[in-house]
Amino acid sequence: MPQTTFQSLCCEYFKCAPDQYEQRALRRFLYPHARLLVPLLRFLTPDLFSPDLKFIRRIGGASDLRDATNDVVDFNHLNSNGSGFWRTGLRLRVSGRKAGRLARLLFLEAANQRPKQGEGHRLKFQLR
């Protein structure tokens, strides 16, 4: 049986194609106030969200909750070590907590043999 990755679980959850994963995850994991500014900031400073996209790619490859949690811890450590005013002061970045919460929900749901689509209910993930 092939290993399930966080990216594949996210794509199923958000109902998106695998090639849309990075952009969908970036948008979903941003702090709410950052969502409004991202299009402009990415236009003005394309590399501003490079660490976020690197994190999204890395957690996307996680094959279990432990791997995903380690990726979140590494990302949070990066952000706490003088990442600059944009990232730490204004929090114009993705939230490791949001990514970690979703990883926990999806991996636990996958371990409990999720019902097929249309059967039962899915856990709700609040993006606040």
N, C-alpha and C. Protein backbone atom coordinates (compact mmCIF):
# COMPACT_ATOMS: atom_id res chain seq x y z
N MET A 1 0.85 -1.17 0.00
CA MET A 1 0.00 0.00 0.00
C MET A 1 0.90 1.24 0.00
N PRO A 2 0.69 2.16 -0.94
CA PRO A 2 1.53 3.36 -1.00
C PRO A 2 1.29 4.26 0.21
N GLN A 3 2.37 4.96 0.61
CA GLN A 3 2.26 5.87 1.73
C GLN A 3 1.47 7.10 1.33
N THR A 4 0.64 7.55 2.23
CA THR A 4 -0.14 8.75 2.02
C THR A 4 0.66 9.94 2.54
N THR A 5 0.70 11.01 1.78
CA THR A 5 1.42 12.21 2.22
C THR A 5 0.42 13.28 2.63
N PHE A 6 0.94 14.24 3.38
CA PHE A 6 0.11 15.36 3.79
C PHE A 6 -0.43 16.08 2.56
N GLN A 7 0.39 16.21 1.52
CA GLN A 7 -0.07 16.89 0.30
C GLN A 7 -1.27 16.17 -0.30
N SER A 8 -1.20 14.86 -0.40
CA SER A 8 -2.33 14.13 -0.99
C SER A 8 -3.58 14.23 -0.12
N LEU A 9 -3.40 14.20 1.21
CA LEU A 9 -4.54 14.36 2.11
C LEU A 9 -5.15 15.75 1.98
N CYS A 10 -4.28 16.77 1.88
CA CYS A 10 -4.77 18.14 1.70
C CYS A 10 -5.52 18.30 0.39
N CYS A 11 -4.97 17.76 -0.67
CA CYS A 11 -5.63 17.89 -1.97
C CYS A 11 -7.01 17.24 -1.94
N GLU A 12 -7.11 16.11 -1.28
CA GLU A 12 -8.41 15.47 -1.16
C GLU A 12 -9.35 16.32 -0.30
N TYR A 13 -8.84 16.84 0.80
CA TYR A 13 -9.65 17.63 1.72
C TYR A 13 -10.13 18.93 1.09
N PHE A 14 -9.21 19.64 0.40
CA PHE A 14 -9.55 20.92 -0.21
C PHE A 14 -10.11 20.76 -1.62
N LYS A 15 -10.19 19.51 -2.09
CA LYS A 15 -10.72 19.22 -3.42
C LYS A 15 -9.98 20.02 -4.50
N CYS A 16 -8.66 19.83 -4.53
CA CYS A 16 -7.84 20.51 -5.53
C CYS A 16 -6.88 19.51 -6.17
N ALA A 17 -6.38 19.87 -7.33
CA ALA A 17 -5.39 19.04 -8.03
C ALA A 17 -4.04 19.16 -7.33
N PRO A 18 -3.19 18.13 -7.43
CA PRO A 18 -1.88 18.18 -6.79
C PRO A 18 -1.04 19.39 -7.21
N ASP A 19 -1.18 19.84 -8.43
CA ASP A 19 -0.39 21.00 -8.86
C ASP A 19 -0.90 22.31 -8.26
N GLN A 20 -2.05 22.29 -7.61
CA GLN A 20 -2.59 23.47 -6.94
C GLN A 20 -2.30 23.48 -5.44
N TYR A 21 -1.67 22.42 -4.94
CA TYR A 21 -1.44 22.28 -3.50
C TYR A 21 -0.70 23.46 -2.89
N GLU A 22 0.43 23.85 -3.45
CA GLU A 22 1.25 24.91 -2.85
C GLU A 22 0.48 26.22 -2.71
N GLN A 23 -0.16 26.64 -3.77
CA GLN A 23 -0.88 27.92 -3.72
C GLN A 23 -2.09 27.84 -2.79
N ARG A 24 -2.78 26.70 -2.81
CA ARG A 24 -3.95 26.53 -1.94
C ARG A 24 -3.51 26.51 -0.47
N ALA A 25 -2.43 25.78 -0.17
CA ALA A 25 -1.94 25.72 1.21
C ALA A 25 -1.42 27.08 1.66
N LEU A 26 -0.71 27.79 0.78
CA LEU A 26 -0.23 29.12 1.14
C LEU A 26 -1.40 30.01 1.55
N ARG A 27 -2.41 30.01 0.75
CA ARG A 27 -3.57 30.87 1.03
C ARG A 27 -4.29 30.44 2.33
N ARG A 28 -4.46 29.14 2.52
CA ARG A 28 -5.21 28.64 3.68
C ARG A 28 -4.44 28.80 4.99
N PHE A 29 -3.11 28.71 4.95
CA PHE A 29 -2.32 28.75 6.17
C PHE A 29 -1.84 30.15 6.55
N LEU A 30 -2.09 31.13 5.71
CA LEU A 30 -1.71 32.50 6.05
C LEU A 30 -2.55 33.02 7.21
N TYR A 31 -1.98 33.95 7.97
CA TYR A 31 -2.77 34.66 8.95
C TYR A 31 -3.80 35.49 8.19
N PRO A 32 -5.00 35.68 8.75
CA PRO A 32 -6.07 36.37 8.01
C PRO A 32 -5.67 37.74 7.48
N HIS A 33 -4.99 38.53 8.26
CA HIS A 33 -4.62 39.87 7.80
C HIS A 33 -3.60 39.81 6.66
N ALA A 34 -2.82 38.75 6.61
CA ALA A 34 -1.80 38.61 5.56
C ALA A 34 -2.42 38.26 4.21
N ARG A 35 -3.57 37.60 4.22
CA ARG A 35 -4.21 37.19 2.96
C ARG A 35 -4.51 38.38 2.05
N LEU A 36 -4.86 39.49 2.66
CA LEU A 36 -5.18 40.68 1.87
C LEU A 36 -3.95 41.28 1.19
N LEU A 37 -2.80 41.15 1.84
CA LEU A 37 -1.59 41.78 1.35
C LEU A 37 -0.72 40.90 0.47
N VAL A 38 -0.93 39.61 0.49
CA VAL A 38 -0.05 38.69 -0.23
C VAL A 38 0.07 38.99 -1.72
N PRO A 39 -1.00 39.21 -2.45
CA PRO A 39 -0.83 39.47 -3.89
C PRO A 39 0.09 40.67 -4.17
N LEU A 40 -0.10 41.73 -3.43
CA LEU A 40 0.74 42.91 -3.61
C LEU A 40 2.18 42.64 -3.18
N LEU A 41 2.35 42.03 -2.03
CA LEU A 41 3.70 41.76 -1.53
C LEU A 41 4.46 40.78 -2.41
N ARG A 42 3.78 39.78 -2.93
CA ARG A 42 4.45 38.82 -3.83
C ARG A 42 4.85 39.50 -5.14
N PHE A 43 4.09 40.49 -5.56
CA PHE A 43 4.43 41.24 -6.76
C PHE A 43 5.66 42.11 -6.49
N LEU A 44 5.66 42.80 -5.34
CA LEU A 44 6.75 43.72 -5.01
C LEU A 44 8.02 42.99 -4.57
N THR A 45 7.85 41.93 -3.77
CA THR A 45 8.98 41.18 -3.23
C THR A 45 8.71 39.69 -3.40
N PRO A 46 9.01 39.14 -4.57
CA PRO A 46 8.65 37.75 -4.84
C PRO A 46 9.24 36.73 -3.85
N ASP A 47 10.40 37.02 -3.28
CA ASP A 47 11.04 36.06 -2.38
C ASP A 47 10.58 36.15 -0.94
N LEU A 48 9.69 37.08 -0.63
CA LEU A 48 9.24 37.27 0.74
C LEU A 48 8.62 36.01 1.33
N PHE A 49 7.92 35.23 0.53
CA PHE A 49 7.25 34.03 1.02
C PHE A 49 8.00 32.75 0.68
N SER A 50 9.27 32.86 0.30
CA SER A 50 10.07 31.67 0.01
C SER A 50 10.15 30.70 1.18
N PRO A 51 10.40 31.18 2.42
CA PRO A 51 10.42 30.23 3.54
C PRO A 51 9.07 29.53 3.75
N ASP A 52 8.00 30.23 3.48
CA ASP A 52 6.67 29.64 3.64
C ASP A 52 6.44 28.55 2.60
N LEU A 53 6.81 28.83 1.36
CA LEU A 53 6.63 27.83 0.30
C LEU A 53 7.54 26.63 0.53
N LYS A 54 8.74 26.87 1.05
CA LYS A 54 9.64 25.77 1.37
C LYS A 54 9.01 24.89 2.46
N PHE A 55 8.44 25.53 3.48
CA PHE A 55 7.75 24.80 4.55
C PHE A 55 6.57 24.00 3.99
N ILE A 56 5.79 24.63 3.12
CA ILE A 56 4.61 23.96 2.54
C ILE A 56 5.04 22.74 1.73
N ARG A 57 6.13 22.86 0.98
CA ARG A 57 6.64 21.71 0.22
C ARG A 57 7.12 20.61 1.16
N ARG A 58 7.83 21.03 2.20
CA ARG A 58 8.39 20.05 3.13
C ARG A 58 7.30 19.31 3.89
N ILE A 59 6.33 20.04 4.45
CA ILE A 59 5.26 19.36 5.19
C ILE A 59 4.39 18.55 4.23
N GLY A 60 4.31 18.97 2.97
CA GLY A 60 3.55 18.22 1.98
C GLY A 60 4.08 16.81 1.78
N GLY A 61 5.38 16.63 1.99
CA GLY A 61 5.99 15.31 1.84
C GLY A 61 5.91 14.45 3.08
N ALA A 62 5.39 14.99 4.17
CA ALA A 62 5.29 14.23 5.42
C ALA A 62 4.36 13.04 5.23
N SER A 63 4.82 11.88 5.71
CA SER A 63 4.02 10.67 5.52
C SER A 63 3.29 10.24 6.79
N ASP A 64 3.54 10.96 7.89
CA ASP A 64 2.81 10.67 9.12
C ASP A 64 2.79 11.92 9.99
N LEU A 65 2.06 11.83 11.07
CA LEU A 65 1.88 12.98 11.96
C LEU A 65 3.20 13.40 12.60
N ARG A 66 4.04 12.46 12.93
CA ARG A 66 5.33 12.80 13.55
C ARG A 66 6.19 13.63 12.60
N ASP A 67 6.27 13.22 11.34
CA ASP A 67 7.04 14.00 10.35
C ASP A 67 6.47 15.40 10.20
N ALA A 68 5.16 15.50 10.13
CA ALA A 68 4.51 16.81 9.96
C ALA A 68 4.77 17.68 11.18
N THR A 69 4.68 17.11 12.37
CA THR A 69 4.94 17.86 13.60
C THR A 69 6.37 18.37 13.63
N ASN A 70 7.32 17.53 13.23
CA ASN A 70 8.72 17.95 13.18
C ASN A 70 8.91 19.10 12.20
N ASP A 71 8.22 19.05 11.08
CA ASP A 71 8.31 20.14 10.10
C ASP A 71 7.76 21.44 10.68
N VAL A 72 6.67 21.35 11.42
CA VAL A 72 6.08 22.53 12.05
C VAL A 72 7.03 23.10 13.10
N VAL A 73 7.64 22.25 13.91
CA VAL A 73 8.58 22.71 14.94
C VAL A 73 9.77 23.41 14.28
N ASP A 74 10.30 22.83 13.21
CA ASP A 74 11.42 23.46 12.49
C ASP A 74 11.01 24.82 11.94
N PHE A 75 9.82 24.91 11.38
CA PHE A 75 9.34 26.17 10.80
C PHE A 75 9.15 27.22 11.90
N ASN A 76 8.58 26.83 13.01
CA ASN A 76 8.39 27.76 14.12
C ASN A 76 9.73 28.24 14.67
N HIS A 77 10.70 27.35 14.70
CA HIS A 77 12.05 27.72 15.16
C HIS A 77 12.66 28.75 14.20
N LEU A 78 12.48 28.54 12.92
CA LEU A 78 12.98 29.49 11.92
C LEU A 78 12.37 30.87 12.14
N ASN A 79 11.07 30.92 12.39
CA ASN A 79 10.38 32.19 12.57
C ASN A 79 10.74 32.88 13.88
N SER A 80 11.14 32.11 14.89
CA SER A 80 11.46 32.72 16.18
C SER A 80 12.91 33.22 16.25
N ASN A 81 13.70 32.89 15.27
CA ASN A 81 15.11 33.27 15.28
C ASN A 81 15.39 34.47 14.39
N GLY A 82 14.82 35.59 14.71
CA GLY A 82 15.13 36.84 14.02
C GLY A 82 14.85 36.83 12.53
N SER A 83 13.66 36.42 12.17
CA SER A 83 13.29 36.37 10.76
C SER A 83 12.92 37.73 10.20
N GLY A 84 12.98 38.74 11.01
CA GLY A 84 12.68 40.08 10.52
C GLY A 84 11.29 40.55 10.91
N PHE A 85 11.14 41.84 10.81
CA PHE A 85 9.91 42.50 11.22
C PHE A 85 8.70 42.03 10.40
N TRP A 86 8.87 41.81 9.10
CA TRP A 86 7.74 41.40 8.26
C TRP A 86 7.15 40.08 8.74
N ARG A 87 8.04 39.12 9.05
CA ARG A 87 7.59 37.77 9.40
C ARG A 87 7.17 37.66 10.86
N THR A 88 7.96 38.24 11.77
CA THR A 88 7.67 38.06 13.19
C THR A 88 6.80 39.19 13.75
N GLY A 89 7.12 40.42 13.40
CA GLY A 89 6.37 41.55 13.94
C GLY A 89 4.98 41.66 13.34
N LEU A 90 4.91 41.64 12.03
CA LEU A 90 3.62 41.78 11.35
C LEU A 90 2.96 40.44 11.03
N ARG A 91 3.69 39.36 11.23
CA ARG A 91 3.21 37.99 10.95
C ARG A 91 2.68 37.86 9.52
N LEU A 92 3.45 38.36 8.59
CA LEU A 92 3.11 38.19 7.18
C LEU A 92 3.77 36.89 6.71
N ARG A 93 3.14 35.81 7.11
CA ARG A 93 3.66 34.47 6.85
C ARG A 93 2.54 33.47 7.10
N VAL A 94 2.83 32.21 6.79
CA VAL A 94 1.86 31.18 7.09
C VAL A 94 1.94 30.83 8.57
N SER A 95 0.88 30.28 9.09
CA SER A 95 0.82 29.86 10.48
C SER A 95 1.18 28.38 10.57
N GLY A 96 2.26 28.10 11.28
CA GLY A 96 2.64 26.71 11.51
C GLY A 96 1.57 25.98 12.32
N ARG A 97 0.91 26.72 13.20
CA ARG A 97 -0.15 26.12 14.02
C ARG A 97 -1.31 25.63 13.15
N LYS A 98 -1.71 26.44 12.17
CA LYS A 98 -2.80 26.01 11.28
C LYS A 98 -2.41 24.76 10.51
N ALA A 99 -1.19 24.76 9.98
CA ALA A 99 -0.72 23.59 9.23
C ALA A 99 -0.67 22.37 10.14
N GLY A 100 -0.18 22.55 11.36
CA GLY A 100 -0.09 21.44 12.31
C GLY A 100 -1.44 20.90 12.71
N ARG A 101 -2.40 21.80 12.93
CA ARG A 101 -3.76 21.36 13.28
C ARG A 101 -4.38 20.54 12.15
N LEU A 102 -4.20 21.04 10.93
CA LEU A 102 -4.77 20.30 9.80
C LEU A 102 -4.07 18.96 9.63
N ALA A 103 -2.75 18.92 9.80
CA ALA A 103 -2.01 17.65 9.69
C ALA A 103 -2.54 16.66 10.72
N ARG A 104 -2.73 17.13 11.93
CA ARG A 104 -3.25 16.25 12.98
C ARG A 104 -4.62 15.70 12.61
N LEU A 105 -5.51 16.57 12.17
CA LEU A 105 -6.85 16.11 11.79
C LEU A 105 -6.81 15.10 10.65
N LEU A 106 -6.05 15.41 9.61
CA LEU A 106 -6.05 14.55 8.43
C LEU A 106 -5.35 13.22 8.67
N PHE A 107 -4.20 13.25 9.37
CA PHE A 107 -3.50 11.99 9.62
C PHE A 107 -4.26 11.10 10.60
N LEU A 108 -4.88 11.70 11.62
CA LEU A 108 -5.68 10.89 12.54
C LEU A 108 -6.91 10.32 11.84
N GLU A 109 -7.52 11.13 11.00
CA GLU A 109 -8.68 10.64 10.25
C GLU A 109 -8.26 9.52 9.30
N ALA A 110 -7.10 9.66 8.66
CA ALA A 110 -6.62 8.62 7.74
C ALA A 110 -6.30 7.32 8.50
N ALA A 111 -5.77 7.43 9.70
CA ALA A 111 -5.43 6.25 10.51
C ALA A 111 -6.68 5.52 10.97
N ASN A 112 -7.78 6.21 11.10
CA ASN A 112 -9.03 5.59 11.52
C ASN A 112 -9.86 5.12 10.34
N GLN A 113 -9.22 4.94 9.21
CA GLN A 113 -9.87 4.46 7.99
C GLN A 113 -11.11 5.26 7.67
N ARG A 114 -10.84 6.46 7.17
CA ARG A 114 -11.88 7.39 6.77
C ARG A 114 -12.97 6.74 5.92
N PRO A 115 -14.18 7.18 6.10
CA PRO A 115 -15.24 6.67 5.22
C PRO A 115 -15.04 7.18 3.80
N LYS A 116 -15.58 6.45 2.87
CA LYS A 116 -15.50 6.90 1.47
C LYS A 116 -16.27 8.20 1.31
N GLN A 117 -15.93 8.92 0.26
CA GLN A 117 -16.58 10.21 0.03
C GLN A 117 -18.09 10.02 -0.04
N GLY A 118 -18.80 10.89 0.67
CA GLY A 118 -20.25 10.81 0.69
C GLY A 118 -20.80 9.99 1.83
N GLU A 119 -19.94 9.21 2.51
CA GLU A 119 -20.39 8.42 3.64
C GLU A 119 -19.91 9.09 4.92
N GLY A 120 -20.76 9.17 5.90
CA GLY A 120 -20.36 9.75 7.18
C GLY A 120 -20.09 11.23 7.06
N HIS A 121 -19.34 11.75 8.00
CA HIS A 121 -19.01 13.17 7.97
C HIS A 121 -17.51 13.34 8.12
N ARG A 122 -17.02 14.46 7.69
CA ARG A 122 -15.59 14.77 7.79
C ARG A 122 -15.40 15.76 8.92
N LEU A 123 -14.24 15.72 9.49
CA LEU A 123 -13.91 16.69 10.53
C LEU A 123 -13.87 18.07 9.93
N LYS A 124 -14.41 19.03 10.62
CA LYS A 124 -14.39 20.41 10.16
C LYS A 124 -13.08 21.05 10.57
N PHE A 125 -12.47 21.76 9.67
CA PHE A 125 -11.23 22.46 9.96
C PHE A 125 -11.49 23.95 9.87
N GLN A 126 -11.44 24.60 11.01
CA GLN A 126 -11.69 26.04 11.05
C GLN A 126 -10.39 26.77 10.83
N LEU A 127 -10.36 27.63 9.85
CA LEU A 127 -9.17 28.41 9.55
C LEU A 127 -9.35 29.79 10.14
N ARG A 128 -9.02 29.93 11.40
CA ARG A 128 -9.15 31.22 12.07
C ARG A 128 -7.80 31.69 12.50
